[in-house]
Protein backbone atom coordinates (compact mmCIF):
# COMPACT_ATOMS: atom_id res chain seq x y z
CA MET A 1 20.10 80.65 155.62
CA SER A 2 17.74 83.59 156.02
CA ARG A 3 14.87 83.84 153.58
CA GLY A 4 14.55 87.60 153.39
CA TRP A 5 13.73 89.68 150.34
CA ASN A 6 15.46 88.68 147.13
CA PHE A 7 15.24 90.86 144.02
CA ALA A 8 14.72 87.89 141.71
CA ASP A 9 11.58 86.78 143.56
CA LEU A 10 10.20 90.32 143.58
CA PHE A 11 10.84 91.02 139.89
CA GLU A 12 9.32 87.69 138.85
CA ALA A 13 6.16 88.61 140.78
CA LEU A 14 6.02 92.04 139.12
CA ALA A 15 6.56 90.50 135.65
CA GLU A 16 3.58 88.25 136.35
CA ARG A 17 1.57 91.28 137.52
CA GLN A 18 2.28 93.48 134.48
CA PRO A 19 3.84 91.34 131.72
CA ASP A 20 3.24 93.82 128.90
CA ALA A 21 4.35 96.98 130.73
CA LEU A 22 7.59 98.66 129.69
CA ALA A 23 10.59 97.57 131.76
CA GLN A 24 13.53 99.00 129.79
CA ARG A 25 14.23 101.16 126.77
CA HIS A 26 17.60 101.93 125.23
CA GLY A 27 17.71 103.88 122.00
CA GLY A 28 15.01 102.33 119.84
CA ARG A 29 14.93 99.02 121.71
CA SER A 30 12.12 98.34 124.19
CA THR A 31 11.74 95.45 126.62
CA THR A 32 8.57 94.50 128.48
CA TRP A 33 8.57 93.12 131.99
CA ALA A 34 7.82 89.62 130.65
CA GLU A 35 10.75 89.89 128.23
CA LEU A 36 13.11 91.16 130.91
CA ASP A 37 12.15 88.25 133.15
CA ARG A 38 12.50 85.67 130.37
CA ARG A 39 15.87 87.01 129.19
CA ALA A 40 17.20 87.01 132.76
CA ASP A 41 16.09 83.37 133.02
CA GLY A 42 18.24 82.62 129.97
CA ILE A 43 21.30 84.27 131.51
CA ALA A 44 20.73 82.40 134.78
CA ALA A 45 20.42 79.07 132.95
CA THR A 46 23.60 79.73 130.96
CA LEU A 47 25.57 80.50 134.11
CA LEU A 48 24.25 77.42 135.88
CA ASP A 49 25.09 75.24 132.87
CA ALA A 50 28.65 76.58 133.10
CA GLY A 51 29.00 74.99 136.54
CA VAL A 52 28.80 77.96 138.91
CA ALA A 53 28.38 77.42 142.64
CA GLU A 54 26.15 79.30 145.07
CA GLN A 55 27.28 82.92 145.49
CA ASP A 56 29.94 82.74 142.80
CA LYS A 57 30.73 86.21 141.47
CA VAL A 58 29.59 87.61 138.10
CA ALA A 59 31.22 90.84 136.88
CA GLN A 60 29.52 93.33 134.56
CA TYR A 61 31.98 95.15 132.31
CA LEU A 62 29.35 97.19 130.51
CA TYR A 63 28.26 100.65 129.54
CA ASN A 64 24.64 101.57 130.25
CA ALA A 65 22.52 99.14 128.25
CA PRO A 66 19.61 96.71 128.78
CA GLU A 67 22.10 93.86 129.23
CA TYR A 68 23.29 95.40 132.48
CA LEU A 69 20.03 94.87 134.35
CA GLU A 70 19.26 91.64 132.47
CA SER A 71 22.54 90.10 133.59
CA ALA A 72 22.17 91.39 137.14
CA LEU A 73 18.70 89.87 137.44
CA GLY A 74 19.99 86.67 135.85
CA ALA A 75 22.71 86.43 138.48
CA PHE A 76 20.16 87.01 141.25
CA LYS A 77 17.92 84.27 139.86
CA ALA A 78 20.87 81.84 139.94
CA GLY A 79 21.83 82.74 143.51
CA LEU A 80 25.04 84.50 142.40
CA ALA A 81 26.64 87.77 143.49
CA THR A 82 27.13 90.67 141.06
CA VAL A 83 30.36 92.69 140.81
CA ASN A 84 30.20 96.14 139.20
CA THR A 85 33.18 96.99 136.99
CA ASN A 86 34.42 100.46 136.17
CA TYR A 87 34.82 100.54 132.39
CA ARG A 88 37.51 103.22 132.73
CA TYR A 89 39.89 100.86 134.54
CA THR A 90 43.23 99.89 133.03
CA ALA A 91 44.13 96.23 132.48
CA ASP A 92 45.98 96.04 135.81
CA GLU A 93 43.06 97.61 137.67
CA LEU A 94 40.64 95.16 136.08
CA PHE A 95 42.91 92.27 137.03
CA TYR A 96 43.01 93.47 140.65
CA LEU A 97 39.24 93.87 140.80
CA TRP A 98 38.27 90.53 139.27
CA ASP A 99 40.97 88.66 141.16
CA ASN A 100 40.06 90.27 144.47
CA ALA A 101 36.36 89.58 143.91
CA ASP A 102 36.93 85.90 142.95
CA VAL A 103 34.98 86.44 139.74
CA VAL A 104 34.07 83.32 137.71
CA ALA A 105 32.04 84.95 134.90
CA VAL A 106 32.20 88.30 133.09
CA VAL A 107 29.58 90.01 130.93
CA PHE A 108 31.32 92.51 128.63
CA HIS A 109 30.61 94.82 125.73
CA GLY A 110 32.31 93.93 122.45
CA THR A 111 34.34 97.12 122.48
CA PHE A 112 36.28 95.68 125.44
CA SER A 113 37.17 92.39 123.69
CA GLU A 114 40.81 93.24 123.10
CA ARG A 115 41.42 94.20 126.70
CA VAL A 116 39.59 91.13 127.98
CA ALA A 117 41.68 88.94 125.67
CA GLU A 118 44.84 90.36 127.25
CA LEU A 119 43.62 89.41 130.73
CA ARG A 120 42.19 85.94 130.21
CA HIS A 121 45.41 84.04 130.83
CA ARG A 122 45.95 85.93 134.10
CA LEU A 123 42.51 85.02 135.44
CA PRO A 124 42.08 81.24 135.10
CA ARG A 125 39.25 81.27 137.65
CA ILE A 126 37.02 83.03 135.11
CA ARG A 127 35.49 80.25 133.03
CA THR A 128 32.57 82.05 131.39
CA TRP A 129 32.71 85.16 129.18
CA LEU A 130 29.42 86.58 127.88
CA TRP A 131 29.93 88.86 124.88
CA VAL A 132 27.46 91.70 124.26
CA ASP A 133 27.40 92.75 120.62
CA ASP A 134 27.68 96.53 120.35
CA GLY A 135 28.88 96.68 116.76
CA HIS A 136 32.56 96.75 117.70
CA GLY A 137 34.19 93.76 116.07
CA ALA A 138 33.40 90.08 115.86
CA ARG A 139 32.70 87.80 118.80
CA PRO A 140 35.84 86.12 120.19
CA GLU A 141 35.69 82.34 119.80
CA TRP A 142 36.13 81.86 123.53
CA ALA A 143 33.05 83.97 124.42
CA ILE A 144 29.34 83.09 124.52
CA PRO A 145 27.05 85.50 122.65
CA PHE A 146 24.87 87.24 125.23
CA GLU A 147 21.86 87.27 122.91
CA ALA A 148 21.99 83.51 122.47
CA ALA A 149 22.22 83.05 126.22
CA ALA A 150 19.37 85.47 126.91
CA THR A 151 17.05 83.63 124.53
CA SER A 152 17.92 80.13 125.77
CA ALA A 153 15.69 79.92 128.82
CA PRO A 154 13.64 76.80 129.40
CA HIS A 155 9.97 77.23 130.19
CA GLY A 156 9.36 78.72 133.62
CA PRO A 157 11.64 80.59 136.04
CA THR A 158 15.26 79.51 136.41
CA VAL A 159 16.07 78.56 139.99
CA ALA A 160 19.39 77.09 141.17
CA PRO A 161 19.47 73.92 143.28
CA TRP A 162 20.39 76.05 146.31
CA GLY A 163 17.45 78.41 145.81
CA ARG A 164 17.44 82.11 146.63
CA SER A 165 17.99 84.01 149.82
CA GLY A 166 17.96 87.47 151.32
CA ASP A 167 21.51 86.63 152.45
CA HIS A 168 22.71 86.49 148.84
CA LEU A 169 25.05 89.37 148.08
CA VAL A 170 25.39 92.36 145.82
CA LEU A 171 29.05 93.43 145.74
CA LEU A 172 29.51 97.11 145.06
CA TYR A 173 33.16 97.91 144.44
CA THR A 174 33.95 101.50 145.29
CA GLY A 175 37.11 103.06 143.88
CA GLY A 176 38.01 105.40 146.70
CA THR A 177 40.65 108.10 146.62
CA THR A 178 42.94 106.13 148.90
CA GLY A 179 44.05 102.54 148.40
CA MET A 180 42.64 99.96 146.02
CA PRO A 181 38.90 99.48 145.33
CA LYS A 182 36.91 97.89 148.15
CA GLY A 183 34.00 95.51 147.67
CA VAL A 184 31.07 96.61 149.81
CA MET A 185 28.95 93.56 150.66
CA TRP A 186 25.22 94.21 150.67
CA ARG A 187 22.84 91.43 151.61
CA GLN A 188 19.95 91.61 149.16
CA ASP A 189 17.49 91.84 152.03
CA ASP A 190 19.34 94.84 153.51
CA LEU A 191 19.71 96.56 150.13
CA PHE A 192 16.02 95.95 149.49
CA GLY A 193 15.11 97.53 152.83
CA ALA A 194 17.40 100.51 152.32
CA LEU A 195 15.97 101.24 148.86
CA ASP A 196 12.35 100.65 149.85
CA ALA A 197 12.63 103.07 152.78
CA ALA A 198 12.05 106.04 150.44
CA ASN A 199 8.74 104.70 149.13
CA ARG A 200 5.46 106.06 150.44
CA LYS A 201 3.90 102.59 150.67
CA ARG A 202 6.59 100.29 152.00
CA LEU A 203 6.60 96.54 151.76
CA PRO A 204 6.64 94.46 154.96
CA PRO A 205 10.02 93.45 156.42
CA GLU A 206 9.35 89.78 155.68
CA PRO A 207 8.83 88.70 152.05
CA ASP A 208 5.22 89.02 150.93
CA LEU A 209 4.92 88.77 147.16
CA ASP A 210 1.15 89.30 147.25
CA ALA A 211 1.78 92.67 148.92
CA ALA A 212 4.37 93.47 146.24
CA ARG A 213 1.89 92.65 143.48
CA GLU A 214 -0.89 94.64 145.13
CA ARG A 215 1.37 97.70 145.45
CA VAL A 216 1.71 97.90 141.66
CA VAL A 217 -1.74 98.93 140.43
CA LYS A 218 -0.40 100.42 137.18
CA PRO A 219 2.98 100.74 135.42
CA GLY A 220 5.33 102.78 137.59
CA PRO A 221 7.36 105.88 136.78
CA ARG A 222 9.95 106.13 134.04
CA ASN A 223 13.42 106.56 135.49
CA LEU A 224 16.52 107.86 133.73
CA PRO A 225 19.82 106.95 135.45
CA ALA A 226 22.06 109.76 134.18
CA ALA A 227 24.98 108.23 136.06
CA PRO A 228 26.49 104.94 134.85
CA LEU A 229 24.86 101.76 136.13
CA MET A 230 28.37 100.59 137.07
CA HIS A 231 28.20 103.05 139.99
CA GLY A 232 25.94 102.72 143.00
CA THR A 233 23.98 105.90 142.31
CA GLY A 234 22.82 104.71 138.89
CA PHE A 235 22.36 101.01 139.72
CA PHE A 236 20.61 101.46 143.04
CA ASN A 237 18.22 104.09 141.66
CA ALA A 238 17.37 101.81 138.74
CA LEU A 239 16.65 98.91 141.12
CA SER A 240 14.57 101.20 143.31
CA ASN A 241 12.40 102.25 140.37
CA LEU A 242 11.92 98.66 139.22
CA MET A 243 10.83 97.74 142.74
CA ILE A 244 7.66 99.81 142.25
CA GLY A 245 6.97 98.44 138.78
CA GLY A 246 8.58 101.31 136.89
CA SER A 247 10.82 101.30 133.85
CA VAL A 248 14.44 102.25 133.28
CA ILE A 249 15.39 104.37 130.28
CA THR A 250 19.08 104.53 129.41
CA MET A 251 20.78 106.87 126.95
CA ALA A 252 22.59 105.45 123.94
CA GLY A 253 25.53 107.85 124.26
CA ARG A 254 28.50 106.60 126.25
CA ARG A 255 29.53 110.02 127.51
CA PHE A 256 27.31 112.27 129.56
CA ASP A 257 25.67 114.79 127.23
CA ALA A 258 23.17 117.27 128.67
CA VAL A 259 21.50 117.73 125.28
CA GLU A 260 20.96 113.99 124.84
CA LEU A 261 19.64 113.79 128.39
CA LEU A 262 17.12 116.59 127.85
CA ASP A 263 16.08 115.12 124.50
CA THR A 264 15.46 111.81 126.28
CA VAL A 265 13.49 113.44 129.11
CA GLN A 266 11.20 115.05 126.54
CA GLN A 267 10.85 112.10 124.16
CA GLU A 268 10.36 109.45 126.84
CA ARG A 269 8.37 111.59 129.26
CA ILE A 270 10.78 110.80 132.06
CA ASN A 271 9.35 111.10 135.58
CA SER A 272 12.44 110.68 137.75
CA MET A 273 16.16 110.98 137.25
CA SER A 274 19.30 110.17 139.24
CA ILE A 275 22.36 112.41 138.96
CA VAL A 276 25.56 113.06 140.87
CA GLY A 277 25.49 116.66 142.04
CA ASP A 278 26.64 119.70 140.13
CA ALA A 279 28.85 117.62 137.84
CA PHE A 280 25.61 116.64 136.09
CA ALA A 281 23.23 119.40 137.14
CA LYS A 282 25.30 122.37 135.98
CA PRO A 283 25.65 121.21 132.34
CA ILE A 284 21.90 120.47 132.32
CA LEU A 285 21.15 123.97 133.61
CA ARG A 286 23.53 125.60 131.12
CA ALA A 287 21.78 123.81 128.25
CA LEU A 288 18.35 124.88 129.51
CA ASP A 289 19.47 128.47 130.00
CA HIS A 290 21.05 128.57 126.54
CA GLU A 291 17.88 127.28 124.82
CA PRO A 292 15.02 127.81 127.28
CA ASP A 293 12.27 127.04 124.74
CA ARG A 294 13.81 123.92 123.21
CA TRP A 295 12.70 121.23 125.66
CA ASP A 296 9.47 120.31 127.44
CA ILE A 297 10.58 118.79 130.74
CA SER A 298 7.21 119.09 132.46
CA SER A 299 6.99 115.30 132.93
CA LEU A 300 10.06 115.36 135.18
CA ARG A 301 8.97 115.45 138.81
CA VAL A 302 11.88 114.13 140.87
CA ILE A 303 15.65 114.47 140.58
CA VAL A 304 17.71 112.56 143.13
CA SER A 305 21.38 113.33 143.65
CA SER A 306 23.83 111.37 145.75
CA GLY A 307 27.57 111.23 146.28
CA VAL A 308 28.58 114.82 145.46
CA ILE A 309 27.28 118.13 146.80
CA TRP A 310 24.51 119.75 144.74
CA SER A 311 24.52 123.53 145.15
CA SER A 312 21.45 125.53 146.08
CA GLN A 313 22.15 127.95 143.21
CA THR A 314 21.91 125.15 140.66
CA LYS A 315 18.69 123.86 142.19
CA ALA A 316 17.18 127.33 142.03
CA GLY A 317 18.18 127.56 138.38
CA LEU A 318 16.50 124.26 137.51
CA LEU A 319 13.30 125.39 139.21
CA ARG A 320 13.13 128.30 136.78
CA HIS A 321 12.61 125.75 134.01
CA ASN A 322 10.24 123.41 135.88
CA GLU A 323 8.60 124.78 139.01
CA ARG A 324 7.05 121.36 139.79
CA LEU A 325 10.45 119.74 140.37
CA ILE A 326 11.19 117.97 143.62
CA MET A 327 14.96 117.84 144.11
CA VAL A 328 16.33 115.42 146.66
CA ASP A 329 19.93 115.70 147.84
CA SER A 330 20.73 112.40 149.53
CA LEU A 331 23.63 112.06 151.94
CA GLY A 332 24.82 108.54 151.40
CA SER A 333 27.54 106.32 150.03
CA SER A 334 28.26 102.79 148.91
CA GLU A 335 28.42 101.87 152.61
CA ALA A 336 25.30 103.71 153.79
CA ILE A 337 22.19 104.53 151.76
CA GLY A 338 19.97 107.39 152.88
CA MET A 339 21.85 108.65 155.93
CA ALA A 340 20.13 112.02 155.62
CA SER A 341 18.41 114.06 152.95
CA SER A 342 17.50 117.54 151.83
CA THR A 343 14.44 118.16 149.65
CA VAL A 344 13.92 121.35 147.66
CA THR A 345 10.77 122.47 145.82
CA SER A 346 9.58 125.83 144.54
CA ASP A 347 8.01 126.46 147.95
CA ASP A 348 11.22 126.42 149.94
CA ALA A 349 14.97 126.79 149.79
CA ALA A 350 17.94 124.89 151.15
CA GLN A 351 21.56 125.64 151.68
CA THR A 352 24.31 123.66 150.05
CA ALA A 353 25.59 120.67 152.03
CA THR A 354 22.83 120.78 154.68
CA PHE A 355 20.63 117.79 155.49
CA GLN A 356 17.98 116.77 157.97
CA ILE A 357 19.26 114.02 160.23
CA GLY A 358 17.39 110.73 159.82
CA ALA A 359 15.80 108.54 162.47
CA ASN A 360 18.60 105.98 162.13
CA THR A 361 21.41 108.54 161.85
CA ARG A 362 23.62 110.20 164.42
CA VAL A 363 26.80 112.26 164.33
CA VAL A 364 29.38 110.88 166.74
CA THR A 365 32.76 111.98 168.04
CA ASP A 366 35.90 109.83 168.15
CA ASP A 367 34.91 108.64 171.63
CA ASP A 368 31.49 107.47 170.35
CA ARG A 369 29.32 110.13 171.94
CA ASP A 370 26.82 112.25 170.05
CA VAL A 371 27.99 115.72 169.10
CA VAL A 372 26.13 118.44 170.94
CA TRP A 373 23.63 120.06 168.60
CA GLY A 374 24.44 123.71 168.00
CA SER A 375 27.93 123.47 169.53
CA GLY A 376 29.88 123.55 166.25
CA GLU A 377 31.54 120.30 167.32
CA MET A 378 32.60 118.03 164.46
CA GLY A 379 31.77 114.35 164.27
CA ARG A 380 31.34 111.46 161.85
CA VAL A 381 27.97 110.61 160.37
CA ALA A 382 26.89 107.12 161.53
CA MET A 383 23.91 105.09 160.32
CA ARG A 384 22.20 102.00 161.71
CA GLY A 385 19.56 99.73 160.24
CA HIS A 386 19.88 98.41 156.70
CA THR A 387 23.63 98.60 156.12
CA PRO A 388 26.28 96.40 154.46
CA ILE A 389 27.87 93.52 156.33
CA GLY A 390 31.43 94.61 155.53
CA TYR A 391 34.07 94.77 152.84
CA TYR A 392 34.80 91.62 150.85
CA LYS A 393 37.92 89.84 152.17
CA ASP A 394 38.95 92.87 154.26
CA PRO A 395 38.15 92.38 157.95
CA GLU A 396 40.41 95.26 159.02
CA LYS A 397 38.63 97.88 156.94
CA SER A 398 35.29 96.32 157.82
CA ALA A 399 36.00 96.74 161.53
CA ALA A 400 37.01 100.38 161.01
CA THR A 401 33.87 101.31 159.05
CA PHE A 402 31.19 99.08 160.57
CA GLN A 403 31.31 99.65 164.32
CA VAL A 404 29.19 98.77 167.33
CA ILE A 405 28.19 101.77 169.46
CA ASP A 406 26.03 101.30 172.56
CA GLY A 407 25.35 97.75 171.42
CA VAL A 408 24.09 98.79 167.99
CA ARG A 409 25.93 98.24 164.71
CA TYR A 410 26.57 101.38 162.65
CA SER A 411 28.06 102.15 159.26
CA ILE A 412 30.52 105.06 159.54
CA PRO A 413 31.96 105.71 156.05
CA GLY A 414 33.96 108.79 157.09
CA ASP A 415 31.71 111.77 156.35
CA PHE A 416 32.42 114.58 158.82
CA ALA A 417 29.71 117.04 159.82
CA THR A 418 28.40 119.44 162.44
CA VAL A 419 24.80 119.56 163.69
CA ASP A 420 22.84 122.79 164.17
CA ALA A 421 20.57 123.30 167.15
CA ASP A 422 17.55 122.31 165.05
CA GLY A 423 19.11 119.02 163.89
CA THR A 424 20.34 120.26 160.52
CA VAL A 425 23.45 118.33 159.47
CA ARG A 426 26.14 120.42 157.78
CA LEU A 427 28.37 118.17 155.75
CA LEU A 428 32.08 119.03 155.76
CA GLY A 429 33.54 116.22 153.66
CA ARG A 430 35.42 112.95 153.92
CA GLY A 431 38.12 112.63 156.53
CA SER A 432 40.38 110.90 154.02
CA GLN A 433 40.65 114.18 152.08
CA CYS A 434 40.91 116.43 155.14
CA ILE A 435 43.77 118.94 154.84
CA ASN A 436 45.80 119.78 157.95
CA THR A 437 47.14 123.28 157.41
CA GLY A 438 48.87 125.09 160.24
CA GLY A 439 47.12 122.88 162.78
CA GLU A 440 43.65 123.61 161.34
CA LYS A 441 41.50 121.00 159.61
CA VAL A 442 40.03 122.01 156.28
CA TYR A 443 37.60 119.88 154.27
CA PRO A 444 38.05 120.27 150.49
CA GLU A 445 34.36 120.10 149.59
CA GLU A 446 33.57 123.15 151.70
CA VAL A 447 36.14 125.26 149.83
CA GLU A 448 35.27 123.77 146.44
CA GLU A 449 31.63 124.77 146.77
CA VAL A 450 32.56 128.36 147.57
CA LEU A 451 34.93 128.52 144.61
CA LYS A 452 32.20 127.24 142.28
CA LEU A 453 29.98 130.16 143.29
CA HIS A 454 32.30 132.53 141.39
CA PRO A 455 31.00 133.27 137.87
CA THR A 456 34.30 132.39 136.16
CA VAL A 457 34.52 128.93 137.73
CA ALA A 458 33.00 125.89 136.03
CA ASP A 459 34.44 123.36 138.50
CA ALA A 460 37.05 123.19 141.23
CA ALA A 461 39.10 120.73 143.26
CA VAL A 462 40.97 121.50 146.46
CA VAL A 463 43.96 119.53 147.76
CA GLY A 464 46.79 119.90 150.25
CA VAL A 465 50.40 119.98 149.04
CA PRO A 466 53.46 119.61 151.31
CA ASP A 467 54.55 122.92 152.78
CA ASP A 468 57.44 123.70 155.16
CA ARG A 469 55.49 126.34 157.05
CA PHE A 470 51.94 125.01 157.15
CA GLY A 471 52.52 121.28 156.84
CA GLU A 472 50.01 121.27 154.00
CA ALA A 473 49.17 124.29 151.86
CA ILE A 474 45.64 124.52 150.47
CA THR A 475 45.82 124.51 146.70
CA ALA A 476 42.89 124.92 144.33
CA LEU A 477 42.77 123.50 140.83
CA VAL A 478 40.13 125.49 138.99
CA GLU A 479 38.43 124.77 135.67
CA PRO A 480 37.20 128.04 134.10
CA HIS A 481 34.07 128.49 132.06
CA ALA A 482 34.70 128.67 128.32
CA GLY A 483 36.10 132.09 127.46
CA ASP A 484 36.87 133.02 131.07
CA VAL A 485 40.30 133.48 132.65
CA ILE A 486 41.07 132.54 136.23
CA ASP A 487 42.35 135.37 138.44
CA GLU A 488 44.17 133.85 141.41
CA ALA A 489 43.96 136.89 143.68
CA VAL A 490 40.27 137.43 142.96
CA LEU A 491 39.37 133.83 143.78
CA ILE A 492 41.40 133.80 147.00
CA ALA A 493 39.62 136.98 148.09
CA HIS A 494 36.28 135.44 147.06
CA VAL A 495 36.86 132.49 149.42
CA LYS A 496 38.02 134.74 152.28
CA GLU A 497 34.78 136.71 152.05
CA ARG A 498 32.79 133.55 152.78
CA LEU A 499 35.04 131.31 154.90
CA ALA A 500 37.65 131.71 157.61
CA GLY A 501 40.92 132.99 156.19
CA TYR A 502 42.85 129.78 156.92
CA LYS A 503 40.49 127.90 154.59
CA ALA A 504 41.39 130.06 151.58
CA PRO A 505 43.79 128.59 148.99
CA LYS A 506 47.42 129.65 149.07
CA ARG A 507 47.58 128.88 145.35
CA VAL A 508 45.01 128.74 142.57
CA ILE A 509 45.99 126.76 139.47
CA SER A 510 43.97 127.00 136.25
CA VAL A 511 43.41 123.61 134.60
CA PRO A 512 41.50 122.58 131.44
CA SER A 513 39.50 120.06 133.49
CA VAL A 514 39.46 118.77 137.04
CA GLY A 515 38.77 115.35 135.55
CA ARG A 516 35.62 114.26 137.31
CA ALA A 517 34.77 110.61 136.77
CA ALA A 518 31.45 109.45 135.34
CA ASN A 519 30.08 109.24 138.88
CA GLY A 520 30.92 112.91 139.50
CA LYS A 521 33.76 112.18 141.90
CA LEU A 522 37.32 113.47 141.91
CA ASP A 523 40.59 111.57 141.92
CA TYR A 524 42.25 113.46 144.75
CA ARG A 525 45.46 111.45 144.52
CA ALA A 526 46.01 112.43 140.89
CA LEU A 527 44.98 116.01 141.57
CA THR A 528 47.41 116.27 144.49
CA ALA A 529 50.21 115.03 142.22
CA THR A 530 49.29 117.64 139.61
CA ALA A 531 49.20 120.41 142.20
CA THR A 532 52.52 119.32 143.72
CA ASP A 533 54.21 119.24 140.31
CA THR A 534 52.81 122.66 139.40
CA ALA A 535 53.42 124.42 142.71
């Protein structure tokens, strides 16, 4: 068993280094690093007392709250693997997820008690249920109160008989637009390396807790994960900030609210924030534009976006309200963190969906050769280095995504791109959503971004619907701004002015909402069904 970096060891060292520094704040509740460490010990001890085995799976069925990171750290201390859980899932989807992941313990908010009660008899493997009191009903008799567990730690750190390892897993289930959710298996050591790569002063590849302590000379930055912790963008950014001794501030509201976010940035003097593209950035910008003198956001230095394209127009708008902002657009996914990035400040500009290729990144064709820079040739973005080891219990999908090229293992999640002569990567979109229309390949994200440039369009989704002539006809579902009316002909002409004619929609359908999830992503299967029924 490899030693490697393990988050539990690191966070214990940082709690020893700065016990009284702020680690978490949620609403009016604050937690120091010493308290976070001690509460995680209690969760670890409770799970071990319940009879778990090494690398058993612990699911977190939680909204953003301190208990999310406390239970994750508790699982790491006990040598267990975490399983994120989408709180929007139906009962059948939850059953699939927890059954597929071989979950033995679930941490859940009280508001989910009724749904959990419906599922218990179908999931006999799950022996431990930790109930988080959120003011929604009484604790079920079959559940352990989280607070009692968190305050039950014996003196000293909780360590399982099997110890801790860099080989211990973090399972990140990603609900893609095709098929059932897949559990991406990250070794802690690899996830640690991938997250630490963005830091100016990196830790050594082999565990060195003295170096970790020495790196933290004062409490680190305050981070606000605007996205849910149940998704990789929120969770990984929170872990990354804790790695440098920072604190994580979560909003009390359970729906994204730009006003609450800006209030929190001002009140908590937030330094960094993670979002998911325009789905988050545009409402923030609209609020700032509507009341430009209401908020002081001068403390905010860095905004990191991942997962969904973040338009250059929105970035420029945010800079009008805080010229010191550094905005990082990260090309990555659950299967590959930090494939490429684009950084925008007041001193420069960047185009939408363009990135600088990283040292460990290449764009390869179907026959595993590099695309020729400047040729316009399309390829898939591939990344080596700190990557997952595969999908949980799915060797076929693992082999398709994690491939060996020229003797080196790469993660190739399916992002298609071209590369300019200067190495600029132009992202086209995921191959799974690629539309084949009249023999031409069209990537939805490219068309969506152009549609969203029109002043009447708040958001847009592009899908292909069956068509006798073209095979698939490009169809746009467009969400108008409040008070605006969508004009089909005008929007089609708008796209044709900026893209090749074959990429323009054949139909434009006005919808109240495109239904983006909390992570900013679209359900293309549901949208295709809507477009097909409407066409």
